[in-house]
Amino acid sequence: MELSEIREQAARAAEEVCAAAKLRVGDLFVVGCSSSEVCGEKIGTHSSVEVAEAVFEGIYSVIEKHGLFLAAQCCEHLNRALIVERAAAEKFGLDEVNVIPQPKAGGSFGTTAYKRFEEPVAVESVKQSASAGMDVGNTLIGVRIKPLVVPLRIETKKIGEAPLVCARRRPKFVGGSRAVYNDELK
């Protein structure tokens, strides 16, 4: 698959998530991405900086357009730390940790985010403050999103060969059977 096609798929998927999740300027959007899975290989076996860059470029172009913050989840070698802009860390009260991701220790997507962000910092957790996200290749991002996490069904099902699962937050329903709910928040 061509890098331009991967970039387009990533941008299209991010745009679909932004629309379906009704995100607002300043929201945090988390992405976990296995470049190995995008290439059709098993997660963690064939990291590709070029593929990660294409996915990042597609997603980040949409994130910037919508005025969102991106949190790039690293791989298990960095305990799934995340790379964010310093402004996001400050806004969401995230604790900085000292690590610089590398393709084989943090993953190619996290490495790309660290290189491309204006003022990148690594954080151990986003404290469930993300409003939506994309899981490209089974990287398990659900714990990063504010409770209550609900799946998003979007048209784009894959980026490259990687399965794509998307999610967003929804406020909890409270009040029981007699309550009336705001359809805009469902």
Protein backbone atom coordinates (compact mmCIF):
# COMPACT_ATOMS: atom_id res chain seq x y z
CA MET A 1 0.00 0.00 0.00
CA GLU A 2 1.24 3.48 -0.88
CA LEU A 3 2.11 5.94 1.89
CA SER A 4 -0.20 8.53 0.32
CA GLU A 5 -3.12 6.10 0.62
CA ILE A 6 -2.28 5.40 4.28
CA ARG A 7 -2.11 9.16 4.93
CA GLU A 8 -5.51 9.66 3.27
CA GLN A 9 -7.11 6.78 5.21
CA ALA A 10 -5.78 8.18 8.49
CA ALA A 11 -7.05 11.69 7.74
CA ARG A 12 -10.44 10.40 6.64
CA ALA A 13 -10.81 8.29 9.79
CA ALA A 14 -9.75 11.18 12.06
CA GLU A 15 -12.25 13.48 10.36
CA GLU A 16 -15.01 10.89 10.84
CA VAL A 17 -14.15 10.56 14.54
CA CYS A 18 -14.13 14.33 15.04
CA ALA A 19 -17.57 14.62 13.45
CA ALA A 20 -19.12 11.64 15.24
CA ALA A 21 -17.66 12.53 18.66
CA LYS A 22 -18.70 16.21 18.38
CA LEU A 23 -15.31 17.34 19.64
CA ARG A 24 -14.64 20.90 20.79
CA VAL A 25 -11.58 23.10 20.41
CA GLY A 26 -9.04 22.12 23.06
CA ASP A 27 -10.24 18.53 23.50
CA LEU A 28 -7.68 15.76 23.81
CA PHE A 29 -7.64 13.11 21.05
CA VAL A 30 -5.62 9.96 21.79
CA VAL A 31 -4.09 7.70 19.14
CA GLY A 32 -2.38 4.37 19.53
CA CYS A 33 -0.81 3.13 16.32
CA SER A 34 1.09 -0.01 15.42
CA SER A 35 2.97 0.66 12.21
CA SER A 36 3.65 -3.09 12.06
CA GLU A 37 -0.09 -3.78 11.90
CA VAL A 38 -0.57 -1.07 9.26
CA CYS A 39 2.00 -3.01 7.19
CA GLY A 40 0.07 -6.26 7.73
CA GLU A 41 2.50 -7.68 10.30
CA LYS A 42 2.09 -8.66 13.95
CA ILE A 43 2.15 -5.75 16.40
CA GLY A 44 5.67 -4.95 17.58
CA THR A 45 7.50 -6.92 14.89
CA HIS A 46 8.08 -4.61 11.89
CA SER A 47 8.09 -1.01 13.10
CA SER A 48 8.19 1.45 10.21
CA VAL A 49 8.98 5.12 10.73
CA GLU A 50 7.80 5.93 7.19
CA VAL A 51 4.41 4.31 7.76
CA ALA A 52 4.05 5.94 11.19
CA GLU A 53 4.86 9.32 9.65
CA ALA A 54 2.14 8.85 7.03
CA VAL A 55 -0.44 7.92 9.68
CA PHE A 56 0.68 10.81 11.90
CA GLU A 57 0.54 13.34 9.06
CA GLY A 58 -2.98 12.27 8.10
CA ILE A 59 -4.31 12.39 11.66
CA TYR A 60 -2.40 15.48 12.78
CA SER A 61 -3.61 17.56 9.83
CA VAL A 62 -7.17 16.98 11.06
CA ILE A 63 -6.28 17.51 14.73
CA GLU A 64 -4.70 20.88 13.96
CA LYS A 65 -7.61 21.93 11.75
CA HIS A 66 -10.07 21.29 14.60
CA GLY A 67 -7.91 22.92 17.29
CA LEU A 68 -7.45 19.69 19.27
CA PHE A 69 -4.55 18.27 21.23
CA LEU A 70 -3.07 14.92 20.15
CA ALA A 71 -1.81 12.34 22.63
CA ALA A 72 0.33 9.71 20.89
CA GLN A 73 0.45 6.48 22.86
CA CYS A 74 3.82 4.73 22.92
CA CYS A 75 4.24 0.96 22.92
CA GLU A 76 4.60 -1.34 25.91
CA HIS A 77 8.38 -0.86 26.06
CA LEU A 78 7.66 2.59 27.53
CA ASN A 79 4.71 1.30 29.58
CA ARG A 80 2.40 2.95 27.07
CA ALA A 81 3.53 6.45 28.04
CA LEU A 82 2.09 9.17 25.84
CA ILE A 83 3.63 12.04 23.91
CA VAL A 84 1.77 15.34 24.10
CA GLU A 85 2.48 19.01 23.56
CA ARG A 86 3.59 20.79 26.74
CA ALA A 87 0.48 22.99 26.48
CA ALA A 88 -1.72 19.87 26.67
CA ALA A 89 0.20 18.56 29.67
CA GLU A 90 -0.32 21.87 31.43
CA LYS A 91 -4.00 22.18 30.47
CA PHE A 92 -4.88 18.67 31.65
CA GLY A 93 -2.54 18.59 34.67
CA LEU A 94 -0.42 15.72 33.34
CA ASP A 95 2.81 14.67 35.02
CA GLU A 96 5.87 14.72 32.77
CA VAL A 97 8.22 11.73 32.73
CA ASN A 98 11.74 11.59 31.35
CA VAL A 99 11.92 9.49 28.20
CA ILE A 100 12.42 10.08 24.49
CA PRO A 101 10.69 7.42 22.37
CA GLN A 102 12.61 5.49 19.73
CA PRO A 103 11.18 3.21 17.02
CA LYS A 104 12.07 0.04 18.97
CA ALA A 105 11.37 1.53 22.43
CA GLY A 106 8.21 3.56 22.28
CA GLY A 107 7.19 2.81 18.72
CA SER A 108 7.44 4.67 15.45
CA PHE A 109 4.22 6.63 15.99
CA GLY A 110 5.30 7.96 19.40
CA THR A 111 8.74 8.72 17.99
CA THR A 112 7.20 10.65 15.11
CA ALA A 113 4.99 12.68 17.46
CA TYR A 114 8.01 13.53 19.61
CA LYS A 115 9.90 14.77 16.54
CA ARG A 116 6.98 16.68 15.03
CA PHE A 117 5.43 18.39 18.06
CA GLU A 118 6.53 21.94 18.76
CA GLU A 119 7.28 21.29 22.45
CA PRO A 120 6.85 17.55 23.12
CA VAL A 121 6.74 15.99 26.55
CA ALA A 122 6.20 12.42 27.66
CA VAL A 123 3.55 11.72 30.26
CA GLU A 124 2.78 8.50 32.05
CA SER A 125 -0.97 8.97 31.83
CA VAL A 126 -3.56 11.34 30.42
CA LYS A 127 -5.70 10.62 33.50
CA GLN A 128 -8.64 9.55 31.35
CA SER A 129 -8.94 13.08 29.97
CA ALA A 130 -9.18 12.24 26.27
CA SER A 131 -12.54 12.91 24.65
CA ALA A 132 -12.08 10.52 21.73
CA GLY A 133 -9.48 8.43 20.01
CA MET A 134 -8.33 5.97 17.42
CA ASP A 135 -6.81 2.56 18.03
CA VAL A 136 -4.86 1.60 14.91
CA GLY A 137 -3.84 -2.04 15.14
CA ASN A 138 -5.12 -3.16 18.56
CA THR A 139 -3.01 -0.90 20.78
CA LEU A 140 -5.65 -0.61 23.54
CA ILE A 141 -6.42 3.10 24.01
CA GLY A 142 -9.80 2.79 25.74
CA VAL A 143 -8.43 3.44 29.22
CA ARG A 144 -7.25 6.88 28.06
CA ILE A 145 -10.75 8.21 27.36
CA LYS A 146 -13.02 9.88 29.91
CA PRO A 147 -15.69 7.58 31.34
CA LEU A 148 -18.08 6.57 29.82
CA VAL A 149 -16.30 5.16 26.76
CA VAL A 150 -18.52 4.17 23.84
CA PRO A 151 -17.47 2.75 20.48
CA LEU A 152 -17.75 4.86 17.35
CA ARG A 153 -18.86 3.13 14.20
CA ILE A 154 -17.25 4.97 11.32
CA GLU A 155 -17.02 4.14 7.65
CA THR A 156 -13.23 3.68 7.63
CA LYS A 157 -12.49 0.21 9.04
CA LYS A 158 -8.74 -0.06 8.45
CA ILE A 159 -5.64 2.02 7.99
CA GLY A 160 -3.41 0.03 5.71
CA GLU A 161 -3.87 -3.53 6.95
CA ALA A 162 -4.46 -2.52 10.59
CA PRO A 163 -7.94 -2.88 12.08
CA LEU A 164 -9.30 0.46 13.28
CA VAL A 165 -11.38 0.80 16.44
CA CYS A 166 -12.57 4.25 17.47
CA ALA A 167 -14.22 5.50 20.62
CA ARG A 168 -15.53 8.62 22.27
CA ARG A 169 -16.71 9.69 25.69
CA ARG A 170 -20.33 10.15 26.59
CA PRO A 171 -21.65 11.57 29.84
CA LYS A 172 -23.15 8.92 32.12
CA PHE A 173 -26.92 8.56 32.11
CA VAL A 174 -28.27 9.09 35.61
CA GLY A 175 -31.78 9.25 36.98
CA GLY A 176 -33.37 5.97 35.97
CA SER A 177 -36.43 5.22 33.87
CA ARG A 178 -38.23 8.54 34.50
CA ALA A 179 -35.28 10.72 33.54
CA VAL A 180 -35.18 12.76 30.36
CA TYR A 181 -31.85 12.85 28.51
CA ASN A 182 -30.21 15.37 26.20
CA ASP A 183 -30.02 13.73 22.77
CA GLU A 184 -27.05 15.94 21.86
CA LEU A 185 -24.93 14.12 24.48
CA LYS A 186 -25.85 10.54 23.54
